[in-house]
């Protein structure tokens, strides 16, 4: 489906290091002008690290924006000029102290399509090997947890995992595993 909305003006309201707020004036299909305000956040990558036995690795850290700890898959921003897979590999090493031999692309999610542009590439990492963690300062006190995939699914169901990309990635990994085990 092609957009029938035409942008006539776009102006930045705020430009930060990670977040930008924009206001666009558009013409709708019937000729009416409208204003769209939306947030642009740099693209991200999320990775679910899975052991051969199906256990998964998650991280728990305090998230300032929600004022509480969050249990989630390894995630981080994609730096300018960096490929999504390279960001996922970097984040897995930094946050969880793991490297993977196999990387399976699991798609892209858009967390809130009405007012937010922040595409997040999803990856499943297999063939894991431990390495020394290289956390950034803000990640220094991050807790790294290993658990069965079934437990991660239960934590989503109980509301203890609320990070959107994590929920999607864990569900996709479970569906992928179910397809391969039912053959």
Foldseek 3Di string as FASTA:
>chain_A
DDALKAWDDKDWPDDDPFKTWIWTWIQHNVGDIDIAIAMEGAAKEFEWEAEPVQKTKWKWDQDPVVRGIAIFTQMDGADVPGDRVRRHQLSCCQQVQKHAPDKDWDAWDADDPRHYHYIYTYIYGYRIDGHHHNYDPRRPPMDMDIDHLVVVQVCVVVVRHDPVVRNVNSVSVVVVVVVVVVD
